[in-house]
Amino acid sequence: MAEPVLSAPAGGDPRPWAIVQHVGHEGPGLIGEVLAAAGYASEVIRMDLGADLPDVALIQQRIGLKIPIVEIFSNDSRLANLASWNPVRV
């Protein structure tokens, strides 16, 4: 298997990568190891212990994603034809 390649941050963004852990018997694993080896900081968000995810709007701001946040539940009729749905028109 090929080694994952990441460039170490050179004076870059000091914010840590967020690794979401959903169950107690799984940890950061290979992702955590690769990030650490490349010099990146990471934090494990332990949802299995009741931790909350970071605010979605904050995540969008950090990555420059400018689309509306639309709440959709499993019984939403828009899921029947998701390919044609445009969240901007909501």
PDB file of N, CA and C in Angstrom:
ATOM      1  N   MET A   1       0.841  -1.175   0.000  1.00  0.00           N
ATOM      2  CA  MET A   1       0.000   0.000   0.000  1.00  0.00           C
ATOM      3  C   MET A   1       0.884   1.235   0.000  1.00  0.00           C
ATOM      4  N   ALA A   2       0.548   2.214  -0.823  1.00  0.00           N
ATOM      5  CA  ALA A   2       1.339   3.439  -0.914  1.00  0.00           C
ATOM      6  C   ALA A   2       1.191   4.275   0.349  1.00  0.00           C
ATOM      7  N   GLU A   3       2.266   4.954   0.723  1.00  0.00           N
ATOM      8  CA  GLU A   3       2.234   5.848   1.882  1.00  0.00           C
ATOM      9  C   GLU A   3       1.396   7.074   1.551  1.00  0.00           C
ATOM     10  N   PRO A   4       0.500   7.497   2.463  1.00  0.00           N
ATOM     11  CA  PRO A   4      -0.237   8.734   2.226  1.00  0.00           C
ATOM     12  C   PRO A   4       0.723   9.918   2.222  1.00  0.00           C
ATOM     13  N   VAL A   5       0.451  10.886   1.388  1.00  0.00           N
ATOM     14  CA  VAL A   5       1.331  12.048   1.285  1.00  0.00           C
ATOM     15  C   VAL A   5       0.589  13.286   1.757  1.00  0.00           C
ATOM     16  N   LEU A   6       1.169  13.977   2.739  1.00  0.00           N
ATOM     17  CA  LEU A   6       0.654  15.263   3.209  1.00  0.00           C
ATOM     18  C   LEU A   6       1.840  16.185   3.359  1.00  0.00           C
ATOM     19  N   SER A   7       1.681  17.417   3.011  1.00  0.00           N
ATOM     20  CA  SER A   7       2.742  18.384   3.237  1.00  0.00           C
ATOM     21  C   SER A   7       2.569  18.971   4.623  1.00  0.00           C
ATOM     22  N   ALA A   8       3.648  19.033   5.361  1.00  0.00           N
ATOM     23  CA  ALA A   8       3.585  19.630   6.698  1.00  0.00           C
ATOM     24  C   ALA A   8       3.303  21.116   6.565  1.00  0.00           C
ATOM     25  N   PRO A   9       2.526  21.653   7.478  1.00  0.00           N
ATOM     26  CA  PRO A   9       2.218  23.075   7.392  1.00  0.00           C
ATOM     27  C   PRO A   9       3.443  23.928   7.671  1.00  0.00           C
ATOM     28  N   ALA A  10       3.703  24.855   6.805  1.00  0.00           N
ATOM     29  CA  ALA A  10       4.820  25.786   7.000  1.00  0.00           C
ATOM     30  C   ALA A  10       4.237  27.139   7.343  1.00  0.00           C
ATOM     31  N   GLY A  11       4.079  27.407   8.634  1.00  0.00           N
ATOM     32  CA  GLY A  11       3.480  28.656   9.057  1.00  0.00           C
ATOM     33  C   GLY A  11       2.033  28.773   8.635  1.00  0.00           C
ATOM     34  N   GLY A  12       1.394  27.638   8.425  1.00  0.00           N
ATOM     35  CA  GLY A  12       0.019  27.645   7.934  1.00  0.00           C
ATOM     36  C   GLY A  12      -0.994  27.746   9.054  1.00  0.00           C
ATOM     37  N   ASP A  13      -2.166  27.277   8.773  1.00  0.00           N
ATOM     38  CA  ASP A  13      -3.305  27.361   9.668  1.00  0.00           C
ATOM     39  C   ASP A  13      -3.041  26.574  10.952  1.00  0.00           C
ATOM     40  N   PRO A  14      -3.096  27.223  12.118  1.00  0.00           N
ATOM     41  CA  PRO A  14      -2.809  26.535  13.368  1.00  0.00           C
ATOM     42  C   PRO A  14      -3.981  25.726  13.918  1.00  0.00           C
ATOM     43  N   ARG A  15      -5.161  25.852  13.299  1.00  0.00           N
ATOM     44  CA  ARG A  15      -6.320  25.132  13.829  1.00  0.00           C
ATOM     45  C   ARG A  15      -6.157  23.636  13.594  1.00  0.00           C
ATOM     46  N   PRO A  16      -6.566  22.832  14.572  1.00  0.00           N
ATOM     47  CA  PRO A  16      -6.418  21.376  14.426  1.00  0.00           C
ATOM     48  C   PRO A  16      -7.467  20.784  13.496  1.00  0.00           C
ATOM     49  N   TRP A  17      -7.107  19.641  12.917  1.00  0.00           N
ATOM     50  CA  TRP A  17      -8.075  18.852  12.176  1.00  0.00           C
ATOM     51  C   TRP A  17      -9.024  18.243  13.198  1.00  0.00           C
ATOM     52  N   ALA A  18     -10.290  18.128  12.869  1.00  0.00           N
ATOM     53  CA  ALA A  18     -11.274  17.494  13.747  1.00  0.00           C
ATOM     54  C   ALA A  18     -11.507  16.065  13.270  1.00  0.00           C
ATOM     55  N   ILE A  19     -11.322  15.122  14.184  1.00  0.00           N
ATOM     56  CA  ILE A  19     -11.588  13.716  13.902  1.00  0.00           C
ATOM     57  C   ILE A  19     -12.775  13.322  14.770  1.00  0.00           C
ATOM     58  N   VAL A  20     -13.859  12.892  14.141  1.00  0.00           N
ATOM     59  CA  VAL A  20     -15.070  12.550  14.867  1.00  0.00           C
ATOM     60  C   VAL A  20     -15.067  11.063  15.191  1.00  0.00           C
ATOM     61  N   GLN A  21     -15.141  10.753  16.478  1.00  0.00           N
ATOM     62  CA  GLN A  21     -15.168   9.361  16.931  1.00  0.00           C
ATOM     63  C   GLN A  21     -16.590   9.038  17.370  1.00  0.00           C
ATOM     64  N   HIS A  22     -17.206   8.046  16.711  1.00  0.00           N
ATOM     65  CA  HIS A  22     -18.606   7.710  16.972  1.00  0.00           C
ATOM     66  C   HIS A  22     -18.776   6.572  17.972  1.00  0.00           C
ATOM     67  N   VAL A  23     -17.796   5.694  18.096  1.00  0.00           N
ATOM     68  CA  VAL A  23     -17.893   4.559  19.016  1.00  0.00           C
ATOM     69  C   VAL A  23     -16.591   4.430  19.793  1.00  0.00           C
ATOM     70  N   GLY A  24     -16.691   3.905  21.017  1.00  0.00           N
ATOM     71  CA  GLY A  24     -15.546   3.850  21.914  1.00  0.00           C
ATOM     72  C   GLY A  24     -14.397   2.968  21.454  1.00  0.00           C
ATOM     73  N   HIS A  25     -14.681   1.906  20.702  1.00  0.00           N
ATOM     74  CA  HIS A  25     -13.625   0.975  20.315  1.00  0.00           C
ATOM     75  C   HIS A  25     -12.862   1.409  19.062  1.00  0.00           C
ATOM     76  N   GLU A  26     -13.219   2.551  18.487  1.00  0.00           N
ATOM     77  CA  GLU A  26     -12.486   3.075  17.329  1.00  0.00           C
ATOM     78  C   GLU A  26     -11.898   4.425  17.702  1.00  0.00           C
ATOM     79  N   GLY A  27     -10.667   4.650  17.307  1.00  0.00           N
ATOM     80  CA  GLY A  27     -10.013   5.929  17.570  1.00  0.00           C
ATOM     81  C   GLY A  27      -9.618   6.596  16.270  1.00  0.00           C
ATOM     82  N   PRO A  28      -8.707   7.555  16.345  1.00  0.00           N
ATOM     83  CA  PRO A  28      -8.267   8.267  15.151  1.00  0.00           C
ATOM     84  C   PRO A  28      -7.578   7.376  14.119  1.00  0.00           C
ATOM     85  N   GLY A  29      -6.955   6.293  14.567  1.00  0.00           N
ATOM     86  CA  GLY A  29      -6.338   5.339  13.656  1.00  0.00           C
ATOM     87  C   GLY A  29      -5.314   5.950  12.718  1.00  0.00           C
ATOM     88  N   LEU A  30      -5.321   5.477  11.480  1.00  0.00           N
ATOM     89  CA  LEU A  30      -4.344   5.888  10.475  1.00  0.00           C
ATOM     90  C   LEU A  30      -4.415   7.387  10.182  1.00  0.00           C
ATOM     91  N   ILE A  31      -5.621   7.947  10.182  1.00  0.00           N
ATOM     92  CA  ILE A  31      -5.750   9.381   9.910  1.00  0.00           C
ATOM     93  C   ILE A  31      -4.980  10.180  10.959  1.00  0.00           C
ATOM     94  N   GLY A  32      -5.153   9.835  12.219  1.00  0.00           N
ATOM     95  CA  GLY A  32      -4.427  10.523  13.289  1.00  0.00           C
ATOM     96  C   GLY A  32      -2.928  10.368  13.147  1.00  0.00           C
ATOM     97  N   GLU A  33      -2.478   9.170  12.797  1.00  0.00           N
ATOM     98  CA  GLU A  33      -1.048   8.913  12.634  1.00  0.00           C
ATOM     99  C   GLU A  33      -0.457   9.725  11.482  1.00  0.00           C
ATOM    100  N   VAL A  34      -1.158   9.765  10.367  1.00  0.00           N
ATOM    101  CA  VAL A  34      -0.671  10.494   9.196  1.00  0.00           C
ATOM    102  C   VAL A  34      -0.628  11.991   9.484  1.00  0.00           C
ATOM    103  N   LEU A  35      -1.664  12.518  10.116  1.00  0.00           N
ATOM    104  CA  LEU A  35      -1.673  13.934  10.462  1.00  0.00           C
ATOM    105  C   LEU A  35      -0.518  14.283  11.394  1.00  0.00           C
ATOM    106  N   ALA A  36      -0.309  13.471  12.414  1.00  0.00           N
ATOM    107  CA  ALA A  36       0.777  13.724  13.369  1.00  0.00           C
ATOM    108  C   ALA A  36       2.137  13.641  12.686  1.00  0.00           C
ATOM    109  N   ALA A  37       2.320  12.647  11.837  1.00  0.00           N
ATOM    110  CA  ALA A  37       3.602  12.488  11.143  1.00  0.00           C
ATOM    111  C   ALA A  37       3.898  13.664  10.220  1.00  0.00           C
ATOM    112  N   ALA A  38       2.827  14.282   9.688  1.00  0.00           N
ATOM    113  CA  ALA A  38       3.001  15.416   8.783  1.00  0.00           C
ATOM    114  C   ALA A  38       3.079  16.743   9.529  1.00  0.00           C
ATOM    115  N   GLY A  39       2.953  16.703  10.854  1.00  0.00           N
ATOM    116  CA  GLY A  39       3.072  17.918  11.641  1.00  0.00           C
ATOM    117  C   GLY A  39       1.777  18.671  11.859  1.00  0.00           C
ATOM    118  N   TYR A  40       0.661  18.034  11.561  1.00  0.00           N
ATOM    119  CA  TYR A  40      -0.638  18.673  11.767  1.00  0.00           C
ATOM    120  C   TYR A  40      -1.177  18.342  13.157  1.00  0.00           C
ATOM    121  N   ALA A  41      -1.815  19.311  13.773  1.00  0.00           N
ATOM    122  CA  ALA A  41      -2.499  19.065  15.039  1.00  0.00           C
ATOM    123  C   ALA A  41      -3.870  18.476  14.734  1.00  0.00           C
ATOM    124  N   SER A  42      -4.387  17.676  15.651  1.00  0.00           N
ATOM    125  CA  SER A  42      -5.734  17.141  15.485  1.00  0.00           C
ATOM    126  C   SER A  42      -6.405  17.070  16.845  1.00  0.00           C
ATOM    127  N   GLU A  43      -7.718  17.086  16.819  1.00  0.00           N
ATOM    128  CA  GLU A  43      -8.482  16.885  18.042  1.00  0.00           C
ATOM    129  C   GLU A  43      -9.540  15.833  17.758  1.00  0.00           C
ATOM    130  N   VAL A  44      -9.766  14.964  18.713  1.00  0.00           N
ATOM    131  CA  VAL A  44     -10.764  13.920  18.557  1.00  0.00           C
ATOM    132  C   VAL A  44     -12.035  14.386  19.253  1.00  0.00           C
ATOM    133  N   ILE A  45     -13.113  14.449  18.497  1.00  0.00           N
ATOM    134  CA  ILE A  45     -14.409  14.823  19.045  1.00  0.00           C
ATOM    135  C   ILE A  45     -15.129  13.522  19.366  1.00  0.00           C
ATOM    136  N   ARG A  46     -15.288  13.255  20.657  1.00  0.00           N
ATOM    137  CA  ARG A  46     -15.819  11.977  21.130  1.00  0.00           C
ATOM    138  C   ARG A  46     -17.336  12.028  21.252  1.00  0.00           C
ATOM    139  N   MET A  47     -18.011  11.843  20.127  1.00  0.00           N
ATOM    140  CA  MET A  47     -19.475  11.825  20.157  1.00  0.00           C
ATOM    141  C   MET A  47     -19.981  10.642  20.970  1.00  0.00           C
ATOM    142  N   ASP A  48     -19.189   9.577  21.039  1.00  0.00           N
ATOM    143  CA  ASP A  48     -19.579   8.419  21.834  1.00  0.00           C
ATOM    144  C   ASP A  48     -19.625   8.746  23.327  1.00  0.00           C
ATOM    145  N   LEU A  49     -18.968   9.845  23.731  1.00  0.00           N
ATOM    146  CA  LEU A  49     -18.984  10.279  25.130  1.00  0.00           C
ATOM    147  C   LEU A  49     -19.855  11.520  25.323  1.00  0.00           C
ATOM    148  N   GLY A  50     -20.633  11.867  24.310  1.00  0.00           N
ATOM    149  CA  GLY A  50     -21.574  12.966  24.429  1.00  0.00           C
ATOM    150  C   GLY A  50     -21.090  14.310  23.924  1.00  0.00           C
ATOM    151  N   ALA A  51     -19.914  14.370  23.314  1.00  0.00           N
ATOM    152  CA  ALA A  51     -19.414  15.644  22.783  1.00  0.00           C
ATOM    153  C   ALA A  51     -20.268  16.084  21.597  1.00  0.00           C
ATOM    154  N   ASP A  52     -20.372  17.382  21.414  1.00  0.00           N
ATOM    155  CA  ASP A  52     -21.114  17.942  20.284  1.00  0.00           C
ATOM    156  C   ASP A  52     -20.165  18.234  19.132  1.00  0.00           C
ATOM    157  N   LEU A  53     -20.704  18.182  17.919  1.00  0.00           N
ATOM    158  CA  LEU A  53     -19.927  18.600  16.751  1.00  0.00           C
ATOM    159  C   LEU A  53     -19.787  20.118  16.762  1.00  0.00           C
ATOM    160  N   PRO A  54     -18.729  20.633  16.133  1.00  0.00           N
ATOM    161  CA  PRO A  54     -18.627  22.084  15.992  1.00  0.00           C
ATOM    162  C   PRO A  54     -19.814  22.623  15.197  1.00  0.00           C
ATOM    163  N   ASP A  55     -20.136  23.882  15.376  1.00  0.00           N
ATOM    164  CA  ASP A  55     -21.228  24.533  14.675  1.00  0.00           C
ATOM    165  C   ASP A  55     -21.019  24.436  13.161  1.00  0.00           C
ATOM    166  N   VAL A  56     -22.061  24.048  12.432  1.00  0.00           N
ATOM    167  CA  VAL A  56     -21.972  23.877  10.982  1.00  0.00           C
ATOM    168  C   VAL A  56     -21.579  25.180  10.290  1.00  0.00           C
ATOM    169  N   ALA A  57     -22.133  26.291  10.742  1.00  0.00           N
ATOM    170  CA  ALA A  57     -21.807  27.585  10.124  1.00  0.00           C
ATOM    171  C   ALA A  57     -20.318  27.902  10.289  1.00  0.00           C
ATOM    172  N   LEU A  58     -19.738  27.553  11.427  1.00  0.00           N
ATOM    173  CA  LEU A  58     -18.307  27.773  11.650  1.00  0.00           C
ATOM    174  C   LEU A  58     -17.480  26.905  10.711  1.00  0.00           C
ATOM    175  N   ILE A  59     -17.884  25.658  10.537  1.00  0.00           N
ATOM    176  CA  ILE A  59     -17.169  24.768   9.621  1.00  0.00           C
ATOM    177  C   ILE A  59     -17.236  25.317   8.199  1.00  0.00           C
ATOM    178  N   GLN A  60     -18.422  25.754   7.781  1.00  0.00           N
ATOM    179  CA  GLN A  60     -18.569  26.314   6.437  1.00  0.00           C
ATOM    180  C   GLN A  60     -17.679  27.542   6.264  1.00  0.00           C
ATOM    181  N   GLN A  61     -17.623  28.390   7.262  1.00  0.00           N
ATOM    182  CA  GLN A  61     -16.801  29.593   7.184  1.00  0.00           C
ATOM    183  C   GLN A  61     -15.326  29.221   7.037  1.00  0.00           C
ATOM    184  N   ARG A  62     -14.876  28.241   7.801  1.00  0.00           N
ATOM    185  CA  ARG A  62     -13.472  27.834   7.760  1.00  0.00           C
ATOM    186  C   ARG A  62     -13.051  27.306   6.402  1.00  0.00           C
ATOM    187  N   ILE A  63     -13.961  26.590   5.730  1.00  0.00           N
ATOM    188  CA  ILE A  63     -13.588  25.998   4.444  1.00  0.00           C
ATOM    189  C   ILE A  63     -14.062  26.825   3.257  1.00  0.00           C
ATOM    190  N   GLY A  64     -14.699  27.960   3.526  1.00  0.00           N
ATOM    191  CA  GLY A  64     -15.116  28.848   2.448  1.00  0.00           C
ATOM    192  C   GLY A  64     -16.329  28.363   1.681  1.00  0.00           C
ATOM    193  N   LEU A  65     -17.163  27.567   2.307  1.00  0.00           N
ATOM    194  CA  LEU A  65     -18.360  27.031   1.670  1.00  0.00           C
ATOM    195  C   LEU A  65     -19.517  27.989   1.916  1.00  0.00           C
ATOM    196  N   LYS A  66     -20.072  28.518   0.848  1.00  0.00           N
ATOM    197  CA  LYS A  66     -21.117  29.536   0.977  1.00  0.00           C
ATOM    198  C   LYS A  66     -22.421  29.040   0.369  1.00  0.00           C
ATOM    199  N   ILE A  67     -23.034  28.079   1.049  1.00  0.00           N
ATOM    200  CA  ILE A  67     -24.347  27.589   0.636  1.00  0.00           C
ATOM    201  C   ILE A  67     -25.236  27.587   1.878  1.00  0.00           C
ATOM    202  N   PRO A  68     -26.542  27.661   1.696  1.00  0.00           N
ATOM    203  CA  PRO A  68     -27.419  27.679   2.858  1.00  0.00           C
ATOM    204  C   PRO A  68     -27.437  26.338   3.583  1.00  0.00           C
ATOM    205  N   ILE A  69     -27.666  26.400   4.867  1.00  0.00           N
ATOM    206  CA  ILE A  69     -27.828  25.189   5.664  1.00  0.00           C
ATOM    207  C   ILE A  69     -29.313  24.854   5.648  1.00  0.00           C
ATOM    208  N   VAL A  70     -29.640  23.681   5.124  1.00  0.00           N
ATOM    209  CA  VAL A  70     -31.033  23.272   4.999  1.00  0.00           C
ATOM    210  C   VAL A  70     -31.238  21.998   5.792  1.00  0.00           C
ATOM    211  N   GLU A  71     -32.199  22.021   6.685  1.00  0.00           N
ATOM    212  CA  GLU A  71     -32.484  20.844   7.494  1.00  0.00           C
ATOM    213  C   GLU A  71     -33.374  19.895   6.695  1.00  0.00           C
ATOM    214  N   ILE A  72     -32.966  18.646   6.603  1.00  0.00           N
ATOM    215  CA  ILE A  72     -33.738  17.638   5.872  1.00  0.00           C
ATOM    216  C   ILE A  72     -33.841  16.399   6.754  1.00  0.00           C
ATOM    217  N   PHE A  73     -35.052  15.876   6.867  1.00  0.00           N
ATOM    218  CA  PHE A  73     -35.278  14.655   7.631  1.00  0.00           C
ATOM    219  C   PHE A  73     -35.505  13.496   6.668  1.00  0.00           C
ATOM    220  N   SER A  74     -35.454  12.276   7.186  1.00  0.00           N
ATOM    221  CA  SER A  74     -35.525  11.092   6.331  1.00  0.00           C
ATOM    222  C   SER A  74     -36.852  10.971   5.585  1.00  0.00           C
ATOM    223  N   ASN A  75     -37.911  11.626   6.036  1.00  0.00           N
ATOM    224  CA  ASN A  75     -39.207  11.546   5.349  1.00  0.00           C
ATOM    225  C   ASN A  75     -39.464  12.757   4.448  1.00  0.00           C
ATOM    226  N   ASP A  76     -38.436  13.548   4.156  1.00  0.00           N
ATOM    227  CA  ASP A  76     -38.586  14.747   3.327  1.00  0.00           C
ATOM    228  C   ASP A  76     -38.811  14.346   1.870  1.00  0.00           C
ATOM    229  N   SER A  77     -39.839  14.916   1.243  1.00  0.00           N
ATOM    230  CA  SER A  77     -40.175  14.558  -0.146  1.00  0.00           C
ATOM    231  C   SER A  77     -39.077  14.947  -1.138  1.00  0.00           C
ATOM    232  N   ARG A  78     -38.219  15.914  -0.791  1.00  0.00           N
ATOM    233  CA  ARG A  78     -37.134  16.320  -1.689  1.00  0.00           C
ATOM    234  C   ARG A  78     -36.121  15.201  -1.910  1.00  0.00           C
ATOM    235  N   LEU A  79     -36.077  14.244  -1.016  1.00  0.00           N
ATOM    236  CA  LEU A  79     -35.122  13.140  -1.149  1.00  0.00           C
ATOM    237  C   LEU A  79     -35.474  12.212  -2.314  1.00  0.00           C
ATOM    238  N   ALA A  80     -36.708  12.242  -2.756  1.00  0.00           N
ATOM    239  CA  ALA A  80     -37.127  11.391  -3.876  1.00  0.00           C
ATOM    240  C   ALA A  80     -36.418  11.764  -5.166  1.00  0.00           C
ATOM    241  N   ASN A  81     -36.064  13.029  -5.321  1.00  0.00           N
ATOM    242  CA  ASN A  81     -35.376  13.478  -6.527  1.00  0.00           C
ATOM    243  C   ASN A  81     -34.288  14.475  -6.127  1.00  0.00           C
ATOM    244  N   LEU A  82     -33.355  14.008  -5.340  1.00  0.00           N
ATOM    245  CA  LEU A  82     -32.314  14.869  -4.785  1.00  0.00           C
ATOM    246  C   LEU A  82     -31.418  15.479  -5.853  1.00  0.00           C
ATOM    247  N   ALA A  83     -31.234  14.787  -6.965  1.00  0.00           N
ATOM    248  CA  ALA A  83     -30.366  15.291  -8.027  1.00  0.00           C
ATOM    249  C   ALA A  83     -30.883  16.594  -8.624  1.00  0.00           C
ATOM    250  N   SER A  84     -32.192  16.783  -8.622  1.00  0.00           N
ATOM    251  CA  SER A  84     -32.743  18.004  -9.211  1.00  0.00           C
ATOM    252  C   SER A  84     -32.991  19.106  -8.181  1.00  0.00           C
ATOM    253  N   TRP A  85     -32.772  18.807  -6.904  1.00  0.00           N
ATOM    254  CA  TRP A  85     -33.036  19.783  -5.852  1.00  0.00           C
ATOM    255  C   TRP A  85     -31.901  20.786  -5.760  1.00  0.00           C
ATOM    256  N   ASN A  86     -32.253  22.055  -5.643  1.00  0.00           N
ATOM    257  CA  ASN A  86     -31.268  23.126  -5.518  1.00  0.00           C
ATOM    258  C   ASN A  86     -31.536  23.865  -4.207  1.00  0.00           C
ATOM    259  N   PRO A  87     -30.637  23.735  -3.222  1.00  0.00           N
ATOM    260  CA  PRO A  87     -30.905  24.345  -1.913  1.00  0.00           C
ATOM    261  C   PRO A  87     -30.970  25.867  -1.956  1.00  0.00           C
ATOM    262  N   VAL A  88     -30.444  26.483  -3.001  1.00  0.00           N
ATOM    263  CA  VAL A  88     -30.471  27.940  -3.115  1.00  0.00           C
ATOM    264  C   VAL A  88     -31.906  28.429  -3.329  1.00  0.00           C
ATOM    265  N   ARG A  89     -32.737  27.603  -3.963  1.00  0.00           N
ATOM    266  CA  ARG A  89     -34.126  28.003  -4.263  1.00  0.00           C
ATOM    267  C   ARG A  89     -35.060  27.774  -3.091  1.00  0.00           C
ATOM    268  N   VAL A  90     -34.589  27.190  -1.996  1.00  0.00           N
ATOM    269  CA  VAL A  90     -35.467  26.876  -0.868  1.00  0.00           C
ATOM    270  C   VAL A  90     -35.946  28.134  -0.203  1.00  0.00           C
TER     271      VAL A  90
END
